[in-house]
Amino acid sequence: MSDAPSLSIVVPVYNGASTVGELVAALRALDIAGGLEILLVVDGSPDNSLDVCKQLAAQPGAPVVVLSLSRNFGEHNAVMAGLTRARGAYAITMDDDLQNPPGEVKRLFEHARDGNYDVVYTYYEEKKHAAWRNLGSRFTNWCADKLIDKPKGLYLSSFRCMSAFVREQITTGYSGPYPYVDGLVFQVTQNWGRLQVDHLPRTEGRSNYTIARLFRLWLSMFLNFSVMPLRFATLFGIAFGALGALAAIIVIAEAVSAHQPPQGWASLMVAVLVLAGVQLVVVGLIGEYLGRMFLAVNRKPQYLVREVFTHGASGLEIERPQAGTHAAGQPHHLDRNG
């Protein structure tokens, strides 16, 4: 095995056939002291991204490793797959859509290395996303301020750089099916930095994130790294219990003073429906926690790697995990085929 490079770049690929080639060419052109490797994690993409990535791996230049997942697991799961395979002293994660200029990679790497940071997050003067996506990002970051051990006001970007120490800790320390990379990072370190970079308009296609995908990602952060939602449920219960006790006192006082049964069928039904709704939300919240625990106990995979493609002396080499093994923060046992 060759010496480990200074930098590993992890790129989850989904519907990225039209952009990933230009991205890899730009990354290979970078002059990184100590060298770099590029890990393309094809996350069950329905287009021909895998074929394009395999062609890139076969080309000369900085090594490209292609991980083909068995189905679509989601961006953070794909990132964990790439980080598990990465070997660099630092690892950068970035999207495949060219909205993060490849030229910023060197600046980000050097900022993390020279500042001796465990993790560096990028931020933008202006994000070139749709308004609803920017609003969702702000809401997620606000929730992260309250729920995970994140420095207040730090913008959580998918374009980030982390040290090998952090990478190894999060990939070996968590094997559950619902990873949230930023939550895992701040469980490990508070030695962080930030760097302003450019953000470009999307040149091809549209974002792979839908409202449903963003909501699932938000749930991973909301439920996996804090018991605060359960505490909120307790506070809601206390508040509505106190409100009910106060209402009961008022009703009794009215009945005694007026010498007649209290009126208000409509208000009574509203109260019943509100309380029933709160109870169902709390039960659903507890059920979500229990469901995630059930899936983790039953070893739902974080991701499954079908094949790994690398450039070897005889051309494109294929590595296949042996039956019964999967990548969930644990090393692969692989069969090699030239």
C-alpha atoms as a PDB file:
ATOM      1  CA  MET A   1       0.000   0.000   0.000  1.00  0.00           C
ATOM      2  CA  SER A   2       1.318   3.463  -0.899  1.00  0.00           C
ATOM      3  CA  ASP A   3       1.900   6.123   1.712  1.00  0.00           C
ATOM      4  CA  ALA A   4      -1.208   7.904   2.946  1.00  0.00           C
ATOM      5  CA  PRO A   5      -1.865  11.277   1.281  1.00  0.00           C
ATOM      6  CA  SER A   6      -2.178  14.558   3.138  1.00  0.00           C
ATOM      7  CA  LEU A   7      -5.752  15.071   1.989  1.00  0.00           C
ATOM      8  CA  SER A   8      -8.740  12.863   1.222  1.00  0.00           C
ATOM      9  CA  ILE A   9     -11.708  14.432  -0.568  1.00  0.00           C
ATOM     10  CA  VAL A  10     -15.031  12.644  -0.060  1.00  0.00           C
ATOM     11  CA  VAL A  11     -17.771  13.366  -2.601  1.00  0.00           C
ATOM     12  CA  PRO A  12     -21.202  11.700  -2.362  1.00  0.00           C
ATOM     13  CA  VAL A  13     -22.504  11.292  -5.911  1.00  0.00           C
ATOM     14  CA  TYR A  14     -26.208  11.196  -6.772  1.00  0.00           C
ATOM     15  CA  ASN A  15     -27.436  12.228 -10.233  1.00  0.00           C
ATOM     16  CA  GLY A  16     -24.011  13.775 -10.742  1.00  0.00           C
ATOM     17  CA  ALA A  17     -22.981  12.267 -14.072  1.00  0.00           C
ATOM     18  CA  SER A  18     -22.908  15.654 -15.801  1.00  0.00           C
ATOM     19  CA  THR A  19     -20.785  17.439 -13.190  1.00  0.00           C
ATOM     20  CA  VAL A  20     -18.554  14.907 -11.421  1.00  0.00           C
ATOM     21  CA  GLY A  21     -16.076  14.674 -14.326  1.00  0.00           C
ATOM     22  CA  GLU A  22     -15.400  18.424 -14.289  1.00  0.00           C
ATOM     23  CA  LEU A  23     -15.127  18.335 -10.494  1.00  0.00           C
ATOM     24  CA  VAL A  24     -12.572  15.508 -10.488  1.00  0.00           C
ATOM     25  CA  ALA A  25     -10.502  17.177 -13.238  1.00  0.00           C
ATOM     26  CA  ALA A  26     -10.345  20.391 -11.204  1.00  0.00           C
ATOM     27  CA  LEU A  27      -9.439  18.527  -8.015  1.00  0.00           C
ATOM     28  CA  ARG A  28      -6.685  16.570  -9.756  1.00  0.00           C
ATOM     29  CA  ALA A  29      -5.204  19.855 -10.965  1.00  0.00           C
ATOM     30  CA  LEU A  30      -4.732  21.123  -7.392  1.00  0.00           C
ATOM     31  CA  ASP A  31      -1.209  21.303  -5.993  1.00  0.00           C
ATOM     32  CA  ILE A  32      -1.627  19.793  -2.520  1.00  0.00           C
ATOM     33  CA  ALA A  33       1.529  19.298  -0.454  1.00  0.00           C
ATOM     34  CA  GLY A  34       1.692  15.604   0.379  1.00  0.00           C
ATOM     35  CA  GLY A  35      -0.785  14.601  -2.331  1.00  0.00           C
ATOM     36  CA  LEU A  36      -4.488  13.896  -2.336  1.00  0.00           C
ATOM     37  CA  GLU A  37      -6.967  11.127  -3.012  1.00  0.00           C
ATOM     38  CA  ILE A  38     -10.556  11.483  -4.214  1.00  0.00           C
ATOM     39  CA  LEU A  39     -13.307   9.187  -2.949  1.00  0.00           C
ATOM     40  CA  LEU A  40     -16.500   9.166  -5.006  1.00  0.00           C
ATOM     41  CA  VAL A  41     -19.373   7.470  -3.170  1.00  0.00           C
ATOM     42  CA  VAL A  42     -22.103   6.609  -5.679  1.00  0.00           C
ATOM     43  CA  ASP A  43     -25.218   6.510  -3.515  1.00  0.00           C
ATOM     44  CA  GLY A  44     -27.511   4.316  -5.596  1.00  0.00           C
ATOM     45  CA  SER A  45     -27.732   6.999  -8.268  1.00  0.00           C
ATOM     46  CA  PRO A  46     -30.387   6.260 -10.937  1.00  0.00           C
ATOM     47  CA  ASP A  47     -28.369   7.887 -13.749  1.00  0.00           C
ATOM     48  CA  ASN A  48     -25.062   6.675 -15.192  1.00  0.00           C
ATOM     49  CA  SER A  49     -22.966   8.282 -12.456  1.00  0.00           C
ATOM     50  CA  LEU A  50     -21.334   4.952 -11.604  1.00  0.00           C
ATOM     51  CA  ASP A  51     -20.076   4.400 -15.170  1.00  0.00           C
ATOM     52  CA  VAL A  52     -18.703   7.955 -15.297  1.00  0.00           C
ATOM     53  CA  CYS A  53     -16.970   7.526 -11.937  1.00  0.00           C
ATOM     54  CA  LYS A  54     -15.437   4.207 -13.009  1.00  0.00           C
ATOM     55  CA  GLN A  55     -13.987   5.911 -16.095  1.00  0.00           C
ATOM     56  CA  LEU A  56     -12.518   8.629 -13.858  1.00  0.00           C
ATOM     57  CA  ALA A  57     -10.946   6.010 -11.580  1.00  0.00           C
ATOM     58  CA  ALA A  58      -9.248   4.367 -14.567  1.00  0.00           C
ATOM     59  CA  GLN A  59      -7.628   7.615 -15.717  1.00  0.00           C
ATOM     60  CA  PRO A  60      -4.105   8.676 -14.662  1.00  0.00           C
ATOM     61  CA  GLY A  61      -3.605  11.370 -12.072  1.00  0.00           C
ATOM     62  CA  ALA A  62      -4.438  11.677  -8.399  1.00  0.00           C
ATOM     63  CA  PRO A  63      -5.996   8.377  -7.286  1.00  0.00           C
ATOM     64  CA  VAL A  64      -9.784   8.124  -7.473  1.00  0.00           C
ATOM     65  CA  VAL A  65     -11.567   5.472  -5.400  1.00  0.00           C
ATOM     66  CA  VAL A  66     -15.176   4.737  -6.331  1.00  0.00           C
ATOM     67  CA  LEU A  67     -17.490   3.188  -3.747  1.00  0.00           C
ATOM     68  CA  SER A  68     -20.728   1.842  -5.195  1.00  0.00           C
ATOM     69  CA  LEU A  69     -23.436   1.555  -2.531  1.00  0.00           C
ATOM     70  CA  SER A  70     -26.076  -1.129  -2.916  1.00  0.00           C
ATOM     71  CA  ARG A  71     -28.939   1.386  -2.802  1.00  0.00           C
ATOM     72  CA  ASN A  72     -29.639   5.006  -1.934  1.00  0.00           C
ATOM     73  CA  PHE A  73     -28.839   5.525   1.765  1.00  0.00           C
ATOM     74  CA  GLY A  74     -28.689   9.332   1.930  1.00  0.00           C
ATOM     75  CA  GLU A  75     -25.960  11.953   1.881  1.00  0.00           C
ATOM     76  CA  HIS A  76     -24.685  11.598   5.454  1.00  0.00           C
ATOM     77  CA  ASN A  77     -24.576   7.803   5.195  1.00  0.00           C
ATOM     78  CA  ALA A  78     -22.615   8.103   1.951  1.00  0.00           C
ATOM     79  CA  VAL A  79     -20.217  10.564   3.577  1.00  0.00           C
ATOM     80  CA  MET A  80     -19.633   8.097   6.406  1.00  0.00           C
ATOM     81  CA  ALA A  81     -18.829   5.406   3.825  1.00  0.00           C
ATOM     82  CA  GLY A  82     -16.234   7.657   2.201  1.00  0.00           C
ATOM     83  CA  LEU A  83     -14.720   8.760   5.508  1.00  0.00           C
ATOM     84  CA  THR A  84     -14.351   5.122   6.589  1.00  0.00           C
ATOM     85  CA  ARG A  85     -12.277   4.429   3.476  1.00  0.00           C
ATOM     86  CA  ALA A  86     -10.275   7.705   3.582  1.00  0.00           C
ATOM     87  CA  ARG A  87      -6.575   7.631   4.537  1.00  0.00           C
ATOM     88  CA  GLY A  88      -5.518  11.287   4.539  1.00  0.00           C
ATOM     89  CA  ALA A  89      -4.239  13.365   7.438  1.00  0.00           C
ATOM     90  CA  TYR A  90      -7.245  15.591   6.681  1.00  0.00           C
ATOM     91  CA  ALA A  91     -10.528  14.869   4.916  1.00  0.00           C
ATOM     92  CA  ILE A  92     -12.744  17.343   3.078  1.00  0.00           C
ATOM     93  CA  THR A  93     -16.370  16.577   2.290  1.00  0.00           C
ATOM     94  CA  MET A  94     -18.087  18.385  -0.573  1.00  0.00           C
ATOM     95  CA  ASP A  95     -21.016  18.013  -2.959  1.00  0.00           C
ATOM     96  CA  ASP A  96     -20.777  16.924  -6.589  1.00  0.00           C
ATOM     97  CA  ASP A  97     -22.703  19.892  -8.060  1.00  0.00           C
ATOM     98  CA  LEU A  98     -19.787  22.384  -8.445  1.00  0.00           C
ATOM     99  CA  GLN A  99     -21.492  24.967  -6.234  1.00  0.00           C
ATOM    100  CA  ASN A 100     -18.400  24.769  -4.031  1.00  0.00           C
ATOM    101  CA  PRO A 101     -15.524  25.866  -6.325  1.00  0.00           C
ATOM    102  CA  PRO A 102     -12.805  23.188  -6.365  1.00  0.00           C
ATOM    103  CA  GLY A 103     -10.223  25.971  -6.039  1.00  0.00           C
ATOM    104  CA  GLU A 104     -11.449  26.604  -2.481  1.00  0.00           C
ATOM    105  CA  VAL A 105     -10.386  23.073  -1.453  1.00  0.00           C
ATOM    106  CA  LYS A 106      -6.732  24.035  -1.140  1.00  0.00           C
ATOM    107  CA  ARG A 107      -7.569  27.117   0.967  1.00  0.00           C
ATOM    108  CA  LEU A 108      -9.771  25.050   3.258  1.00  0.00           C
ATOM    109  CA  PHE A 109      -7.158  22.326   3.679  1.00  0.00           C
ATOM    110  CA  GLU A 110      -4.356  24.787   4.423  1.00  0.00           C
ATOM    111  CA  HIS A 111      -6.542  26.755   6.859  1.00  0.00           C
ATOM    112  CA  ALA A 112      -7.270  23.570   8.839  1.00  0.00           C
ATOM    113  CA  ARG A 113      -3.665  22.358   8.699  1.00  0.00           C
ATOM    114  CA  ASP A 114      -1.965  25.669   9.523  1.00  0.00           C
ATOM    115  CA  GLY A 115      -4.455  26.486  12.288  1.00  0.00           C
ATOM    116  CA  ASN A 116      -4.158  22.967  13.715  1.00  0.00           C
ATOM    117  CA  TYR A 117      -7.974  22.723  13.805  1.00  0.00           C
ATOM    118  CA  ASP A 118      -9.832  19.471  14.265  1.00  0.00           C
ATOM    119  CA  VAL A 119     -12.623  20.702  12.014  1.00  0.00           C
ATOM    120  CA  VAL A 120     -13.178  23.760   9.829  1.00  0.00           C
ATOM    121  CA  TYR A 121     -16.605  24.742   8.467  1.00  0.00           C
ATOM    122  CA  THR A 122     -17.110  27.016   5.512  1.00  0.00           C
ATOM    123  CA  TYR A 123     -19.673  29.778   5.286  1.00  0.00           C
ATOM    124  CA  TYR A 124     -20.867  31.999   2.474  1.00  0.00           C
ATOM    125  CA  GLU A 125     -21.553  35.666   1.976  1.00  0.00           C
ATOM    126  CA  GLU A 126     -24.505  34.599  -0.184  1.00  0.00           C
ATOM    127  CA  LYS A 127     -25.828  31.095  -0.784  1.00  0.00           C
ATOM    128  CA  LYS A 128     -26.993  30.369  -4.328  1.00  0.00           C
ATOM    129  CA  HIS A 129     -29.767  28.016  -3.246  1.00  0.00           C
ATOM    130  CA  ALA A 130     -33.517  28.411  -3.580  1.00  0.00           C
ATOM    131  CA  ALA A 131     -35.169  30.578  -0.918  1.00  0.00           C
ATOM    132  CA  TRP A 132     -36.990  27.633   0.697  1.00  0.00           C
ATOM    133  CA  ARG A 133     -33.722  25.693   0.991  1.00  0.00           C
ATOM    134  CA  ASN A 134     -31.934  28.649   2.615  1.00  0.00           C
ATOM    135  CA  LEU A 135     -34.817  29.032   5.054  1.00  0.00           C
ATOM    136  CA  GLY A 136     -34.651  25.328   5.900  1.00  0.00           C
ATOM    137  CA  SER A 137     -30.872  25.578   6.471  1.00  0.00           C
ATOM    138  CA  ARG A 138     -31.321  28.512   8.850  1.00  0.00           C
ATOM    139  CA  PHE A 139     -34.001  26.628  10.786  1.00  0.00           C
ATOM    140  CA  THR A 140     -31.818  23.505  11.023  1.00  0.00           C
ATOM    141  CA  ASN A 141     -28.866  25.546  12.258  1.00  0.00           C
ATOM    142  CA  TRP A 142     -31.084  27.263  14.845  1.00  0.00           C
ATOM    143  CA  CYS A 143     -32.261  23.860  16.095  1.00  0.00           C
ATOM    144  CA  ALA A 144     -28.665  22.621  16.187  1.00  0.00           C
ATOM    145  CA  ASP A 145     -27.766  25.577  18.433  1.00  0.00           C
ATOM    146  CA  LYS A 146     -30.341  24.319  20.934  1.00  0.00           C
ATOM    147  CA  LEU A 147     -30.015  20.548  20.621  1.00  0.00           C
ATOM    148  CA  ILE A 148     -26.403  19.543  19.968  1.00  0.00           C
ATOM    149  CA  ASP A 149     -23.129  20.744  21.449  1.00  0.00           C
ATOM    150  CA  LYS A 150     -22.512  23.156  18.592  1.00  0.00           C
ATOM    151  CA  PRO A 151     -20.943  26.616  19.014  1.00  0.00           C
ATOM    152  CA  LYS A 152     -23.781  29.104  18.784  1.00  0.00           C
ATOM    153  CA  GLY A 153     -23.984  30.840  15.428  1.00  0.00           C
ATOM    154  CA  LEU A 154     -21.597  28.484  13.616  1.00  0.00           C
ATOM    155  CA  TYR A 155     -22.999  27.623  10.193  1.00  0.00           C
ATOM    156  CA  LEU A 156     -22.998  23.890   9.513  1.00  0.00           C
ATOM    157  CA  SER A 157     -21.944  23.430   5.907  1.00  0.00           C
ATOM    158  CA  SER A 158     -21.488  20.166   4.024  1.00  0.00           C
ATOM    159  CA  PHE A 159     -18.242  21.685   2.680  1.00  0.00           C
ATOM    160  CA  ARG A 160     -16.039  20.983   5.700  1.00  0.00           C
ATOM    161  CA  CYS A 161     -12.541  19.757   6.572  1.00  0.00           C
ATOM    162  CA  MET A 162     -11.735  17.457   9.484  1.00  0.00           C
ATOM    163  CA  SER A 163      -8.588  15.920  10.877  1.00  0.00           C
ATOM    164  CA  ALA A 164      -7.804  12.220  10.791  1.00  0.00           C
ATOM    165  CA  PHE A 165      -8.412  12.089  14.545  1.00  0.00           C
ATOM    166  CA  VAL A 166     -12.003  13.301  14.186  1.00  0.00           C
ATOM    167  CA  ARG A 167     -12.605  11.144  11.103  1.00  0.00           C
ATOM    168  CA  GLU A 168     -11.467   7.992  12.864  1.00  0.00           C
ATOM    169  CA  GLN A 169     -13.449   8.755  16.008  1.00  0.00           C
ATOM    170  CA  ILE A 170     -16.761   9.300  14.238  1.00  0.00           C
ATOM    171  CA  THR A 171     -16.437   6.353  11.839  1.00  0.00           C
ATOM    172  CA  THR A 172     -15.408   3.842  14.493  1.00  0.00           C
ATOM    173  CA  GLY A 173     -17.552   5.271  17.281  1.00  0.00           C
ATOM    174  CA  TYR A 174     -20.946   5.268  15.549  1.00  0.00           C
ATOM    175  CA  SER A 175     -22.449   2.465  13.480  1.00  0.00           C
ATOM    176  CA  GLY A 176     -26.152   3.310  13.729  1.00  0.00           C
ATOM    177  CA  PRO A 177     -28.383   3.698  10.680  1.00  0.00           C
ATOM    178  CA  TYR A 178     -29.093   7.428  11.149  1.00  0.00           C
ATOM    179  CA  PRO A 179     -25.777   9.319  11.135  1.00  0.00           C
ATOM    180  CA  TYR A 180     -25.678  13.097  11.385  1.00  0.00           C
ATOM    181  CA  VAL A 181     -22.048  13.959  10.657  1.00  0.00           C
ATOM    182  CA  ASP A 182     -22.031  17.365  12.352  1.00  0.00           C
ATOM    183  CA  GLY A 183     -23.555  15.971  15.535  1.00  0.00           C
ATOM    184  CA  LEU A 184     -20.880  13.266  15.607  1.00  0.00           C
ATOM    185  CA  VAL A 185     -18.115  15.829  15.017  1.00  0.00           C
ATOM    186  CA  PHE A 186     -19.091  17.977  17.998  1.00  0.00           C
ATOM    187  CA  GLN A 187     -19.322  14.927  20.224  1.00  0.00           C
ATOM    188  CA  VAL A 188     -15.586  14.542  19.569  1.00  0.00           C
ATOM    189  CA  THR A 189     -14.113  18.062  19.535  1.00  0.00           C
ATOM    190  CA  GLN A 190     -14.607  21.753  20.211  1.00  0.00           C
ATOM    191  CA  ASN A 191     -11.406  22.725  18.374  1.00  0.00           C
ATOM    192  CA  TRP A 192     -13.051  24.272  15.345  1.00  0.00           C
ATOM    193  CA  GLY A 193     -12.506  27.032  12.824  1.00  0.00           C
ATOM    194  CA  ARG A 194     -14.442  28.703  10.033  1.00  0.00           C
ATOM    195  CA  LEU A 195     -13.555  30.028   6.602  1.00  0.00           C
ATOM    196  CA  GLN A 196     -15.551  32.159   4.173  1.00  0.00           C
ATOM    197  CA  VAL A 197     -15.655  30.728   0.654  1.00  0.00           C
ATOM    198  CA  ASP A 198     -17.509  31.404  -2.576  1.00  0.00           C
ATOM    199  CA  HIS A 199     -20.772  29.668  -3.415  1.00  0.00           C
ATOM    200  CA  LEU A 200     -21.726  29.391  -7.079  1.00  0.00           C
ATOM    201  CA  PRO A 201     -25.113  28.945  -8.765  1.00  0.00           C
ATOM    202  CA  ARG A 202     -25.977  25.394  -9.779  1.00  0.00           C
ATOM    203  CA  THR A 203     -24.959  24.839 -13.399  1.00  0.00           C
ATOM    204  CA  GLU A 204     -26.686  21.523 -14.099  1.00  0.00           C
ATOM    205  CA  GLY A 205     -29.993  19.996 -13.027  1.00  0.00           C
ATOM    206  CA  ARG A 206     -31.584  20.756  -9.683  1.00  0.00           C
ATOM    207  CA  SER A 207     -30.893  19.998  -6.060  1.00  0.00           C
ATOM    208  CA  ASN A 208     -31.326  16.376  -4.962  1.00  0.00           C
ATOM    209  CA  TYR A 209     -32.707  17.590  -1.650  1.00  0.00           C
ATOM    210  CA  THR A 210     -36.479  17.658  -1.401  1.00  0.00           C
ATOM    211  CA  ILE A 211     -38.503  18.884   1.560  1.00  0.00           C
ATOM    212  CA  ALA A 212     -39.016  15.255   2.627  1.00  0.00           C
ATOM    213  CA  ARG A 213     -35.250  14.531   2.519  1.00  0.00           C
ATOM    214  CA  LEU A 214     -34.465  17.686   4.469  1.00  0.00           C
ATOM    215  CA  PHE A 215     -37.090  16.719   7.048  1.00  0.00           C
ATOM    216  CA  ARG A 216     -35.549  13.255   7.470  1.00  0.00           C
ATOM    217  CA  LEU A 217     -32.112  14.833   7.903  1.00  0.00           C
ATOM    218  CA  TRP A 218     -33.536  17.259  10.455  1.00  0.00           C
ATOM    219  CA  LEU A 219     -35.068  14.332  12.362  1.00  0.00           C
ATOM    220  CA  SER A 220     -31.657  12.636  12.543  1.00  0.00           C
ATOM    221  CA  MET A 221     -30.238  15.734  14.201  1.00  0.00           C
ATOM    222  CA  PHE A 222     -33.356  16.358  16.317  1.00  0.00           C
ATOM    223  CA  LEU A 223     -33.653  12.850  17.760  1.00  0.00           C
ATOM    224  CA  ASN A 224     -30.236  11.174  17.577  1.00  0.00           C
ATOM    225  CA  PHE A 225     -28.093  13.607  19.532  1.00  0.00           C
ATOM    226  CA  SER A 226     -30.290  15.038  22.268  1.00  0.00           C
ATOM    227  CA  VAL A 227     -33.029  14.103  24.742  1.00  0.00           C
ATOM    228  CA  MET A 228     -34.225  17.711  24.688  1.00  0.00           C
ATOM    229  CA  PRO A 229     -37.387  16.793  22.725  1.00  0.00           C
ATOM    230  CA  LEU A 230     -38.413  14.461  25.567  1.00  0.00           C
ATOM    231  CA  ARG A 231     -37.790  17.250  28.060  1.00  0.00           C
ATOM    232  CA  PHE A 232     -39.949  19.563  25.959  1.00  0.00           C
ATOM    233  CA  ALA A 233     -42.672  16.908  26.067  1.00  0.00           C
ATOM    234  CA  THR A 234     -42.446  16.856  29.870  1.00  0.00           C
ATOM    235  CA  LEU A 235     -42.671  20.647  30.013  1.00  0.00           C
ATOM    236  CA  PHE A 236     -45.703  20.590  27.690  1.00  0.00           C
ATOM    237  CA  GLY A 237     -47.342  18.055  29.986  1.00  0.00           C
ATOM    238  CA  ILE A 238     -46.696  20.185  33.072  1.00  0.00           C
ATOM    239  CA  ALA A 239     -47.924  23.349  31.325  1.00  0.00           C
ATOM    240  CA  PHE A 240     -51.165  21.780  30.078  1.00  0.00           C
ATOM    241  CA  GLY A 241     -51.700  20.064  33.443  1.00  0.00           C
ATOM    242  CA  ALA A 242     -51.398  23.413  35.210  1.00  0.00           C
ATOM    243  CA  LEU A 243     -53.729  25.006  32.657  1.00  0.00           C
ATOM    244  CA  GLY A 244     -56.259  22.214  33.215  1.00  0.00           C
ATOM    245  CA  ALA A 245     -56.076  22.644  36.999  1.00  0.00           C
ATOM    246  CA  LEU A 246     -56.636  26.391  36.650  1.00  0.00           C
ATOM    247  CA  ALA A 247     -59.592  25.813  34.325  1.00  0.00           C
ATOM    248  CA  ALA A 248     -61.094  23.306  36.798  1.00  0.00           C
ATOM    249  CA  ILE A 249     -60.880  25.885  39.612  1.00  0.00           C
ATOM    250  CA  ILE A 250     -62.597  28.483  37.425  1.00  0.00           C
ATOM    251  CA  VAL A 251     -65.382  26.050  36.447  1.00  0.00           C
ATOM    252  CA  ILE A 252     -66.014  25.030  40.067  1.00  0.00           C
ATOM    253  CA  ALA A 253     -66.051  28.662  41.205  1.00  0.00           C
ATOM    254  CA  GLU A 254     -68.518  29.546  38.427  1.00  0.00           C
ATOM    255  CA  ALA A 255     -70.818  26.645  39.307  1.00  0.00           C
ATOM    256  CA  VAL A 256     -70.854  27.537  43.016  1.00  0.00           C
ATOM    257  CA  SER A 257     -71.453  31.243  42.465  1.00  0.00           C
ATOM    258  CA  ALA A 258     -74.071  30.908  39.698  1.00  0.00           C
ATOM    259  CA  HIS A 259     -75.872  27.892  41.227  1.00  0.00           C
ATOM    260  CA  GLN A 260     -76.129  26.261  37.765  1.00  0.00           C
ATOM    261  CA  PRO A 261     -74.073  23.911  35.598  1.00  0.00           C
ATOM    262  CA  PRO A 262     -71.315  25.730  33.649  1.00  0.00           C
ATOM    263  CA  GLN A 263     -71.915  26.373  29.936  1.00  0.00           C
ATOM    264  CA  GLY A 264     -69.468  26.008  27.056  1.00  0.00           C
ATOM    265  CA  TRP A 265     -69.689  22.791  25.044  1.00  0.00           C
ATOM    266  CA  ALA A 266     -67.642  24.297  22.188  1.00  0.00           C
ATOM    267  CA  SER A 267     -64.778  25.417  24.432  1.00  0.00           C
ATOM    268  CA  LEU A 268     -64.808  21.999  26.114  1.00  0.00           C
ATOM    269  CA  MET A 269     -64.433  20.227  22.780  1.00  0.00           C
ATOM    270  CA  VAL A 270     -61.616  22.571  21.746  1.00  0.00           C
ATOM    271  CA  ALA A 271     -59.779  21.781  24.984  1.00  0.00           C
ATOM    272  CA  VAL A 272     -60.273  18.032  24.466  1.00  0.00           C
ATOM    273  CA  LEU A 273     -59.001  18.173  20.886  1.00  0.00           C
ATOM    274  CA  VAL A 274     -55.956  20.282  21.815  1.00  0.00           C
ATOM    275  CA  LEU A 275     -55.012  17.961  24.672  1.00  0.00           C
ATOM    276  CA  ALA A 276     -55.558  14.878  22.510  1.00  0.00           C
ATOM    277  CA  GLY A 277     -53.360  16.385  19.813  1.00  0.00           C
ATOM    278  CA  VAL A 278     -50.568  17.114  22.280  1.00  0.00           C
ATOM    279  CA  GLN A 279     -50.788  13.577  23.658  1.00  0.00           C
ATOM    280  CA  LEU A 280     -50.552  12.070  20.168  1.00  0.00           C
ATOM    281  CA  VAL A 281     -47.524  14.231  19.317  1.00  0.00           C
ATOM    282  CA  VAL A 282     -45.753  13.153  22.511  1.00  0.00           C
ATOM    283  CA  VAL A 283     -46.620   9.488  21.917  1.00  0.00           C
ATOM    284  CA  GLY A 284     -45.366   9.791  18.334  1.00  0.00           C
ATOM    285  CA  LEU A 285     -42.132  11.395  19.555  1.00  0.00           C
ATOM    286  CA  ILE A 286     -41.530   8.565  22.028  1.00  0.00           C
ATOM    287  CA  GLY A 287     -42.408   6.051  19.309  1.00  0.00           C
ATOM    288  CA  GLU A 288     -39.833   7.605  16.962  1.00  0.00           C
ATOM    289  CA  TYR A 289     -37.133   7.228  19.605  1.00  0.00           C
ATOM    290  CA  LEU A 290     -38.147   3.616  20.244  1.00  0.00           C
ATOM    291  CA  GLY A 291     -38.321   2.854  16.512  1.00  0.00           C
ATOM    292  CA  ARG A 292     -34.813   4.138  15.927  1.00  0.00           C
ATOM    293  CA  MET A 293     -33.541   2.133  18.881  1.00  0.00           C
ATOM    294  CA  PHE A 294     -35.276  -0.962  17.487  1.00  0.00           C
ATOM    295  CA  LEU A 295     -33.679  -0.532  14.060  1.00  0.00           C
ATOM    296  CA  ALA A 296     -30.253   0.069  15.603  1.00  0.00           C
ATOM    297  CA  VAL A 297     -30.549  -3.027  17.821  1.00  0.00           C
ATOM    298  CA  ASN A 298     -31.588  -5.072  14.787  1.00  0.00           C
ATOM    299  CA  ARG A 299     -28.475  -3.785  12.980  1.00  0.00           C
ATOM    300  CA  LYS A 300     -30.088  -1.911  10.117  1.00  0.00           C
ATOM    301  CA  PRO A 301     -27.000  -1.053   8.041  1.00  0.00           C
ATOM    302  CA  GLN A 302     -25.662   2.456   7.940  1.00  0.00           C
ATOM    303  CA  TYR A 303     -24.670   1.703   4.331  1.00  0.00           C
ATOM    304  CA  LEU A 304     -23.673  -1.303   2.227  1.00  0.00           C
ATOM    305  CA  VAL A 305     -20.823  -1.187  -0.269  1.00  0.00           C
ATOM    306  CA  ARG A 306     -21.457  -3.415  -3.279  1.00  0.00           C
ATOM    307  CA  GLU A 307     -18.138  -2.761  -5.076  1.00  0.00           C
ATOM    308  CA  VAL A 308     -15.053  -0.580  -4.774  1.00  0.00           C
ATOM    309  CA  PHE A 309     -13.210   0.493  -7.936  1.00  0.00           C
ATOM    310  CA  THR A 310      -9.576   1.610  -7.872  1.00  0.00           C
ATOM    311  CA  HIS A 311      -6.816   2.158 -10.421  1.00  0.00           C
ATOM    312  CA  GLY A 312      -4.247  -0.630 -10.337  1.00  0.00           C
ATOM    313  CA  ALA A 313      -1.239  -1.744 -12.313  1.00  0.00           C
ATOM    314  CA  SER A 314      -3.426  -3.853 -14.618  1.00  0.00           C
ATOM    315  CA  GLY A 315      -6.149  -1.252 -15.034  1.00  0.00           C
ATOM    316  CA  LEU A 316      -9.382  -0.827 -13.106  1.00  0.00           C
ATOM    317  CA  GLU A 317      -9.465  -3.126 -10.085  1.00  0.00           C
ATOM    318  CA  ILE A 318     -12.671  -4.232  -8.354  1.00  0.00           C
ATOM    319  CA  GLU A 319     -12.961  -4.989  -4.654  1.00  0.00           C
ATOM    320  CA  ARG A 320     -16.081  -6.732  -3.369  1.00  0.00           C
ATOM    321  CA  PRO A 321     -16.986  -7.107   0.317  1.00  0.00           C
ATOM    322  CA  GLN A 322     -17.272 -10.721   1.369  1.00  0.00           C
ATOM    323  CA  ALA A 323     -20.722 -12.021   2.267  1.00  0.00           C
ATOM    324  CA  GLY A 324     -21.832 -11.138   5.764  1.00  0.00           C
ATOM    325  CA  THR A 325     -19.740  -7.982   6.078  1.00  0.00           C
ATOM    326  CA  HIS A 326     -20.802  -4.418   5.573  1.00  0.00           C
ATOM    327  CA  ALA A 327     -19.387  -0.980   6.147  1.00  0.00           C
ATOM    328  CA  ALA A 328     -20.881   0.509   9.268  1.00  0.00           C
ATOM    329  CA  GLY A 329     -17.863   2.110  10.786  1.00  0.00           C
ATOM    330  CA  GLN A 330     -15.947  -1.173  10.582  1.00  0.00           C
ATOM    331  CA  PRO A 331     -13.243  -2.255   8.116  1.00  0.00           C
ATOM    332  CA  HIS A 332     -14.088  -4.354   5.069  1.00  0.00           C
ATOM    333  CA  HIS A 333     -12.923  -7.815   4.186  1.00  0.00           C
ATOM    334  CA  LEU A 334     -12.526  -7.624   0.434  1.00  0.00           C
ATOM    335  CA  ASP A 335     -12.006  -9.880  -2.540  1.00  0.00           C
ATOM    336  CA  ARG A 336      -9.949  -8.268  -5.319  1.00  0.00           C
ATOM    337  CA  ASN A 337     -10.487  -8.746  -9.020  1.00  0.00           C
ATOM    338  CA  GLY A 338      -8.392  -7.174 -11.741  1.00  0.00           C
END
